[in-house]
Amino acid sequence: MNTNNKERLIGIILAGGKGSRLDGKGKFNQKFNNNNTLLEQVYERIKSQFSYIAVNVNNKETTVKLNLEVIYDKFSKNIGPLAGIHASLCQGNNINGEDGYVCIVPVDTPFLPKDLGKRLYSNMLKNNSDIVFAKSANRIHPTIGLWKNNLKKKLEFAINRGVRKIDAFTANFNVSYEEWDIKKYDPFFNINNYEDLNIAKELIIIND
């Protein structure tokens, strides 16, 4: 199987966080670079890697200023990132059925590697994994990973039983990790507050 088979991979950007340590209006609309928002920056990093990209938000009152399909959580908005992952897997099944894959990334990581999808997919095939998470600096990034679409029903079951943490769900499956080296910067640097946002604006100068 081709390890760069984009047709079986879709990308979903999780943009449901409130950004409470920023302006509370959501991280995705934060201005980042040359008047681009964080959402636009993340999209630029991944747009050539997948056959389809959408944005996940947790309620229909959210307005996304980018011409991408918006998918909404199917669970109540207070259960955390598993709701966004579930919505992403639902969309993956709609597009490619149970045999496809969804690469999930958060909107607050503006320097995502341009080989993210290819390397996660190659790792999944090599290790016959259900889920592959990205790593850097020996840290696992649980909201950045490739998931098999056929996990959707099992995730629904787990959420309905009260599971709320990603690692509590994934502990039951074959998980592998793909590690990126840190050179000039951590490719998975994430923005939680204004200090992080300012650091990222400096990093964009050295970003490829």
C-alpha atoms as a PDB file:
ATOM      1  CA  MET A   1       0.000   0.000   0.000  1.00  0.00           C
ATOM      2  CA  ASN A   2       1.256   3.446  -0.860  1.00  0.00           C
ATOM      3  CA  THR A   3       2.398   5.255   2.286  1.00  0.00           C
ATOM      4  CA  ASN A   4       1.425   8.559   0.724  1.00  0.00           C
ATOM      5  CA  ASN A   5      -2.136   7.526  -0.157  1.00  0.00           C
ATOM      6  CA  LYS A   6      -3.935  10.840   0.402  1.00  0.00           C
ATOM      7  CA  GLU A   7      -7.280   9.557  -0.845  1.00  0.00           C
ATOM      8  CA  ARG A   8      -7.751   7.462   2.281  1.00  0.00           C
ATOM      9  CA  LEU A   9      -6.652  10.250   4.643  1.00  0.00           C
ATOM     10  CA  ILE A  10      -8.693  13.243   5.685  1.00  0.00           C
ATOM     11  CA  GLY A  11      -7.621  16.031   8.013  1.00  0.00           C
ATOM     12  CA  ILE A  12      -9.732  17.624  10.734  1.00  0.00           C
ATOM     13  CA  ILE A  13      -8.721  20.756  12.643  1.00  0.00           C
ATOM     14  CA  LEU A  14     -10.096  20.816  16.195  1.00  0.00           C
ATOM     15  CA  ALA A  15     -11.192  24.385  16.897  1.00  0.00           C
ATOM     16  CA  GLY A  16     -13.643  24.000  19.767  1.00  0.00           C
ATOM     17  CA  GLY A  17     -11.552  25.473  22.575  1.00  0.00           C
ATOM     18  CA  LYS A  18     -12.688  28.754  24.124  1.00  0.00           C
ATOM     19  CA  GLY A  19      -9.179  30.227  24.403  1.00  0.00           C
ATOM     20  CA  SER A  20      -9.994  31.357  27.940  1.00  0.00           C
ATOM     21  CA  ARG A  21      -6.409  32.511  28.508  1.00  0.00           C
ATOM     22  CA  LEU A  22      -6.609  34.624  25.359  1.00  0.00           C
ATOM     23  CA  ASP A  23      -9.754  36.628  24.592  1.00  0.00           C
ATOM     24  CA  GLY A  24     -12.240  33.847  25.317  1.00  0.00           C
ATOM     25  CA  LYS A  25     -13.633  33.987  21.771  1.00  0.00           C
ATOM     26  CA  GLY A  26     -11.864  30.902  20.505  1.00  0.00           C
ATOM     27  CA  LYS A  27      -8.246  30.379  19.503  1.00  0.00           C
ATOM     28  CA  PHE A  28      -9.042  29.871  15.833  1.00  0.00           C
ATOM     29  CA  ASN A  29      -9.745  33.564  15.181  1.00  0.00           C
ATOM     30  CA  GLN A  30      -6.592  34.851  16.900  1.00  0.00           C
ATOM     31  CA  LYS A  31      -4.485  36.942  14.524  1.00  0.00           C
ATOM     32  CA  PHE A  32      -1.184  35.237  13.921  1.00  0.00           C
ATOM     33  CA  ASN A  33       0.833  36.424  10.942  1.00  0.00           C
ATOM     34  CA  ASN A  34       0.195  38.963   8.148  1.00  0.00           C
ATOM     35  CA  ASN A  35      -3.386  39.184   9.351  1.00  0.00           C
ATOM     36  CA  ASN A  36      -3.804  35.424   9.066  1.00  0.00           C
ATOM     37  CA  THR A  37      -5.643  33.720  11.891  1.00  0.00           C
ATOM     38  CA  LEU A  38      -4.369  30.643  13.702  1.00  0.00           C
ATOM     39  CA  LEU A  39      -6.907  28.578  11.781  1.00  0.00           C
ATOM     40  CA  GLU A  40      -5.625  29.897   8.449  1.00  0.00           C
ATOM     41  CA  GLN A  41      -2.033  29.194   9.510  1.00  0.00           C
ATOM     42  CA  VAL A  42      -2.789  25.591  10.498  1.00  0.00           C
ATOM     43  CA  TYR A  43      -4.718  25.074   7.270  1.00  0.00           C
ATOM     44  CA  GLU A  44      -1.742  26.354   5.251  1.00  0.00           C
ATOM     45  CA  ARG A  45       0.501  23.808   6.977  1.00  0.00           C
ATOM     46  CA  ILE A  46      -1.703  20.790   6.206  1.00  0.00           C
ATOM     47  CA  LYS A  47      -3.721  21.679   3.099  1.00  0.00           C
ATOM     48  CA  SER A  48      -1.532  19.731   0.666  1.00  0.00           C
ATOM     49  CA  GLN A  49      -1.371  16.620   2.864  1.00  0.00           C
ATOM     50  CA  PHE A  50      -4.965  15.365   2.734  1.00  0.00           C
ATOM     51  CA  SER A  51      -7.716  14.780   0.193  1.00  0.00           C
ATOM     52  CA  TYR A  52     -10.213  16.671   2.361  1.00  0.00           C
ATOM     53  CA  ILE A  53      -9.951  19.037   5.340  1.00  0.00           C
ATOM     54  CA  ALA A  54     -12.683  20.280   7.668  1.00  0.00           C
ATOM     55  CA  VAL A  55     -12.921  22.248  10.900  1.00  0.00           C
ATOM     56  CA  ASN A  56     -14.535  20.864  14.038  1.00  0.00           C
ATOM     57  CA  VAL A  57     -16.289  23.210  16.476  1.00  0.00           C
ATOM     58  CA  ASN A  58     -18.517  22.379  19.400  1.00  0.00           C
ATOM     59  CA  ASN A  59     -21.609  24.441  18.652  1.00  0.00           C
ATOM     60  CA  LYS A  60     -23.461  25.926  15.715  1.00  0.00           C
ATOM     61  CA  GLU A  61     -23.112  29.477  17.008  1.00  0.00           C
ATOM     62  CA  THR A  62     -19.416  29.457  16.067  1.00  0.00           C
ATOM     63  CA  THR A  63     -18.475  31.377  12.920  1.00  0.00           C
ATOM     64  CA  VAL A  64     -15.431  30.212  10.964  1.00  0.00           C
ATOM     65  CA  LYS A  65     -13.966  32.695   8.493  1.00  0.00           C
ATOM     66  CA  LEU A  66     -12.423  30.133   6.171  1.00  0.00           C
ATOM     67  CA  ASN A  67     -14.008  28.324   3.273  1.00  0.00           C
ATOM     68  CA  LEU A  68     -13.876  24.864   4.802  1.00  0.00           C
ATOM     69  CA  GLU A  69     -16.662  22.506   5.775  1.00  0.00           C
ATOM     70  CA  VAL A  70     -17.527  22.848   9.451  1.00  0.00           C
ATOM     71  CA  ILE A  71     -18.473  19.756  11.455  1.00  0.00           C
ATOM     72  CA  TYR A  72     -20.075  19.918  14.872  1.00  0.00           C
ATOM     73  CA  ASP A  73     -19.781  17.824  18.016  1.00  0.00           C
ATOM     74  CA  LYS A  74     -22.559  15.296  18.449  1.00  0.00           C
ATOM     75  CA  PHE A  75     -22.131  15.184  22.222  1.00  0.00           C
ATOM     76  CA  SER A  76     -22.684  17.982  24.718  1.00  0.00           C
ATOM     77  CA  LYS A  77     -20.052  20.685  24.597  1.00  0.00           C
ATOM     78  CA  ASN A  78     -18.466  20.051  27.985  1.00  0.00           C
ATOM     79  CA  ILE A  79     -16.877  16.632  27.560  1.00  0.00           C
ATOM     80  CA  GLY A  80     -13.512  17.783  26.207  1.00  0.00           C
ATOM     81  CA  PRO A  81     -11.477  16.798  23.137  1.00  0.00           C
ATOM     82  CA  LEU A  82     -12.992  13.321  22.792  1.00  0.00           C
ATOM     83  CA  ALA A  83     -16.136  15.012  21.453  1.00  0.00           C
ATOM     84  CA  GLY A  84     -14.129  16.584  18.630  1.00  0.00           C
ATOM     85  CA  ILE A  85     -12.324  13.326  17.927  1.00  0.00           C
ATOM     86  CA  HIS A  86     -15.673  11.532  17.764  1.00  0.00           C
ATOM     87  CA  ALA A  87     -17.091  14.125  15.350  1.00  0.00           C
ATOM     88  CA  SER A  88     -13.946  13.734  13.227  1.00  0.00           C
ATOM     89  CA  LEU A  89     -14.337   9.961  13.086  1.00  0.00           C
ATOM     90  CA  CYS A  90     -17.997  10.364  12.116  1.00  0.00           C
ATOM     91  CA  GLN A  91     -16.928  12.555   9.201  1.00  0.00           C
ATOM     92  CA  GLY A  92     -14.191  10.111   8.266  1.00  0.00           C
ATOM     93  CA  ASN A  93     -16.763   7.333   8.061  1.00  0.00           C
ATOM     94  CA  ASN A  94     -19.067   9.541   5.973  1.00  0.00           C
ATOM     95  CA  ILE A  95     -16.310  10.145   3.433  1.00  0.00           C
ATOM     96  CA  ASN A  96     -14.232   6.941   3.341  1.00  0.00           C
ATOM     97  CA  GLY A  97     -16.119   4.374   5.412  1.00  0.00           C
ATOM     98  CA  GLU A  98     -14.556   2.213   8.117  1.00  0.00           C
ATOM     99  CA  ASP A  99     -11.423   1.528   6.070  1.00  0.00           C
ATOM    100  CA  GLY A 100     -10.259   5.146   6.012  1.00  0.00           C
ATOM    101  CA  TYR A 101      -8.224   7.287   8.394  1.00  0.00           C
ATOM    102  CA  VAL A 102      -8.565  10.680  10.033  1.00  0.00           C
ATOM    103  CA  CYS A 103      -5.619  12.876  10.948  1.00  0.00           C
ATOM    104  CA  ILE A 104      -6.657  15.154  13.813  1.00  0.00           C
ATOM    105  CA  VAL A 105      -4.773  18.332  14.721  1.00  0.00           C
ATOM    106  CA  PRO A 106      -5.562  21.243  17.058  1.00  0.00           C
ATOM    107  CA  VAL A 107      -5.932  24.817  15.872  1.00  0.00           C
ATOM    108  CA  ASP A 108      -3.295  26.110  18.306  1.00  0.00           C
ATOM    109  CA  THR A 109      -0.259  24.415  16.679  1.00  0.00           C
ATOM    110  CA  PRO A 110       0.906  26.817  13.930  1.00  0.00           C
ATOM    111  CA  PHE A 111       4.104  25.000  12.914  1.00  0.00           C
ATOM    112  CA  LEU A 112       2.796  21.526  12.082  1.00  0.00           C
ATOM    113  CA  PRO A 113       5.216  19.470   9.961  1.00  0.00           C
ATOM    114  CA  LYS A 114       4.484  19.352   6.268  1.00  0.00           C
ATOM    115  CA  ASP A 115       5.132  15.594   6.316  1.00  0.00           C
ATOM    116  CA  LEU A 116       2.752  14.951   9.219  1.00  0.00           C
ATOM    117  CA  GLY A 117       0.136  12.891   7.391  1.00  0.00           C
ATOM    118  CA  LYS A 118       2.640  10.846   5.401  1.00  0.00           C
ATOM    119  CA  ARG A 119       4.757   9.922   8.418  1.00  0.00           C
ATOM    120  CA  LEU A 120       1.826   9.086  10.687  1.00  0.00           C
ATOM    121  CA  TYR A 121       0.299   6.915   7.957  1.00  0.00           C
ATOM    122  CA  SER A 122       3.588   5.137   7.269  1.00  0.00           C
ATOM    123  CA  ASN A 123       3.973   4.454  10.996  1.00  0.00           C
ATOM    124  CA  MET A 124       0.437   3.073  11.210  1.00  0.00           C
ATOM    125  CA  LEU A 125       1.063   0.637   8.365  1.00  0.00           C
ATOM    126  CA  LYS A 126       4.439  -0.427   9.761  1.00  0.00           C
ATOM    127  CA  ASN A 127       3.115  -1.089  13.273  1.00  0.00           C
ATOM    128  CA  ASN A 128      -0.433  -2.135  12.347  1.00  0.00           C
ATOM    129  CA  SER A 129      -1.618   0.499  14.815  1.00  0.00           C
ATOM    130  CA  ASP A 130      -5.125   1.681  15.566  1.00  0.00           C
ATOM    131  CA  ILE A 131      -3.851   5.154  16.466  1.00  0.00           C
ATOM    132  CA  VAL A 132      -0.533   6.936  15.926  1.00  0.00           C
ATOM    133  CA  PHE A 133       0.310   9.988  18.028  1.00  0.00           C
ATOM    134  CA  ALA A 134       2.943  12.595  17.248  1.00  0.00           C
ATOM    135  CA  LYS A 135       5.856  13.064  19.650  1.00  0.00           C
ATOM    136  CA  SER A 136       8.587  15.659  20.107  1.00  0.00           C
ATOM    137  CA  ALA A 137      11.096  16.269  22.920  1.00  0.00           C
ATOM    138  CA  ASN A 138       9.953  12.907  24.326  1.00  0.00           C
ATOM    139  CA  ARG A 139       6.440  14.342  24.795  1.00  0.00           C
ATOM    140  CA  ILE A 140       3.314  12.718  23.395  1.00  0.00           C
ATOM    141  CA  HIS A 141       0.818  15.058  21.738  1.00  0.00           C
ATOM    142  CA  PRO A 142      -2.560  13.316  22.218  1.00  0.00           C
ATOM    143  CA  THR A 143      -4.550  15.788  20.104  1.00  0.00           C
ATOM    144  CA  ILE A 144      -2.220  15.290  17.116  1.00  0.00           C
ATOM    145  CA  GLY A 145      -2.606  11.871  15.587  1.00  0.00           C
ATOM    146  CA  LEU A 146      -3.954   9.503  12.978  1.00  0.00           C
ATOM    147  CA  TRP A 147      -6.998   7.416  13.861  1.00  0.00           C
ATOM    148  CA  LYS A 148      -8.654   4.499  12.096  1.00  0.00           C
ATOM    149  CA  ASN A 149     -12.245   5.312  11.184  1.00  0.00           C
ATOM    150  CA  ASN A 150     -13.428   1.977  12.591  1.00  0.00           C
ATOM    151  CA  LEU A 151     -12.862   3.264  16.145  1.00  0.00           C
ATOM    152  CA  LYS A 152     -15.986   5.460  15.987  1.00  0.00           C
ATOM    153  CA  LYS A 153     -18.489   3.077  17.575  1.00  0.00           C
ATOM    154  CA  LYS A 154     -16.062   2.061  20.317  1.00  0.00           C
ATOM    155  CA  LEU A 155     -15.426   5.718  21.119  1.00  0.00           C
ATOM    156  CA  GLU A 156     -19.175   6.406  21.249  1.00  0.00           C
ATOM    157  CA  PHE A 157     -19.569   3.538  23.692  1.00  0.00           C
ATOM    158  CA  ALA A 158     -16.698   4.799  25.857  1.00  0.00           C
ATOM    159  CA  ILE A 159     -18.001   8.384  25.950  1.00  0.00           C
ATOM    160  CA  ASN A 160     -21.475   7.164  26.894  1.00  0.00           C
ATOM    161  CA  ARG A 161     -19.878   5.226  29.751  1.00  0.00           C
ATOM    162  CA  GLY A 162     -18.241   8.388  31.058  1.00  0.00           C
ATOM    163  CA  VAL A 163     -14.732   8.241  29.565  1.00  0.00           C
ATOM    164  CA  ARG A 164     -13.403  11.789  29.113  1.00  0.00           C
ATOM    165  CA  LYS A 165      -9.629  11.497  28.703  1.00  0.00           C
ATOM    166  CA  ILE A 166      -7.949  10.557  25.451  1.00  0.00           C
ATOM    167  CA  ASP A 167      -5.401   8.252  27.096  1.00  0.00           C
ATOM    168  CA  ALA A 168      -8.135   6.472  29.081  1.00  0.00           C
ATOM    169  CA  PHE A 169      -9.767   5.527  25.779  1.00  0.00           C
ATOM    170  CA  THR A 170      -6.637   4.735  23.765  1.00  0.00           C
ATOM    171  CA  ALA A 171      -5.205   2.468  26.509  1.00  0.00           C
ATOM    172  CA  ASN A 172      -7.397  -0.304  25.086  1.00  0.00           C
ATOM    173  CA  PHE A 173      -5.887  -0.168  21.593  1.00  0.00           C
ATOM    174  CA  ASN A 174      -2.653  -0.635  19.689  1.00  0.00           C
ATOM    175  CA  VAL A 175      -1.047   2.813  19.856  1.00  0.00           C
ATOM    176  CA  SER A 176       2.269   3.801  18.302  1.00  0.00           C
ATOM    177  CA  TYR A 177       4.230   7.046  18.210  1.00  0.00           C
ATOM    178  CA  GLU A 178       6.050   9.003  15.524  1.00  0.00           C
ATOM    179  CA  GLU A 179       8.725  11.315  16.884  1.00  0.00           C
ATOM    180  CA  TRP A 180       9.929  14.525  15.243  1.00  0.00           C
ATOM    181  CA  ASP A 181      13.297  16.092  15.984  1.00  0.00           C
ATOM    182  CA  ILE A 182      13.444  19.598  17.344  1.00  0.00           C
ATOM    183  CA  LYS A 183      15.751  21.721  15.252  1.00  0.00           C
ATOM    184  CA  LYS A 184      15.088  25.455  15.260  1.00  0.00           C
ATOM    185  CA  TYR A 185      11.756  25.020  17.050  1.00  0.00           C
ATOM    186  CA  ASP A 186       9.306  22.378  18.229  1.00  0.00           C
ATOM    187  CA  PRO A 187       6.983  21.628  15.281  1.00  0.00           C
ATOM    188  CA  PHE A 188       4.198  20.976  17.802  1.00  0.00           C
ATOM    189  CA  PHE A 189       4.603  24.219  19.739  1.00  0.00           C
ATOM    190  CA  ASN A 190       1.123  25.126  20.949  1.00  0.00           C
ATOM    191  CA  ILE A 191      -0.440  28.422  21.934  1.00  0.00           C
ATOM    192  CA  ASN A 192      -2.316  28.695  25.219  1.00  0.00           C
ATOM    193  CA  ASN A 193      -1.896  32.367  26.149  1.00  0.00           C
ATOM    194  CA  TYR A 194      -0.624  35.710  24.878  1.00  0.00           C
ATOM    195  CA  GLU A 195       2.961  34.908  25.860  1.00  0.00           C
ATOM    196  CA  ASP A 196       2.867  31.787  23.687  1.00  0.00           C
ATOM    197  CA  LEU A 197       1.283  33.806  20.871  1.00  0.00           C
ATOM    198  CA  ASN A 198       4.116  36.341  20.987  1.00  0.00           C
ATOM    199  CA  ILE A 199       6.746  33.579  21.013  1.00  0.00           C
ATOM    200  CA  ALA A 200       5.070  31.994  17.974  1.00  0.00           C
ATOM    201  CA  LYS A 201       5.107  35.303  16.114  1.00  0.00           C
ATOM    202  CA  GLU A 202       8.871  35.428  16.645  1.00  0.00           C
ATOM    203  CA  LEU A 203       9.252  31.797  15.554  1.00  0.00           C
ATOM    204  CA  ILE A 204       7.412  32.410  12.285  1.00  0.00           C
ATOM    205  CA  ILE A 205      10.427  34.414  11.149  1.00  0.00           C
ATOM    206  CA  ILE A 206      12.600  31.259  11.222  1.00  0.00           C
ATOM    207  CA  ASN A 207       9.860  28.903  10.111  1.00  0.00           C
ATOM    208  CA  ASP A 208      10.273  27.237   6.731  1.00  0.00           C
END
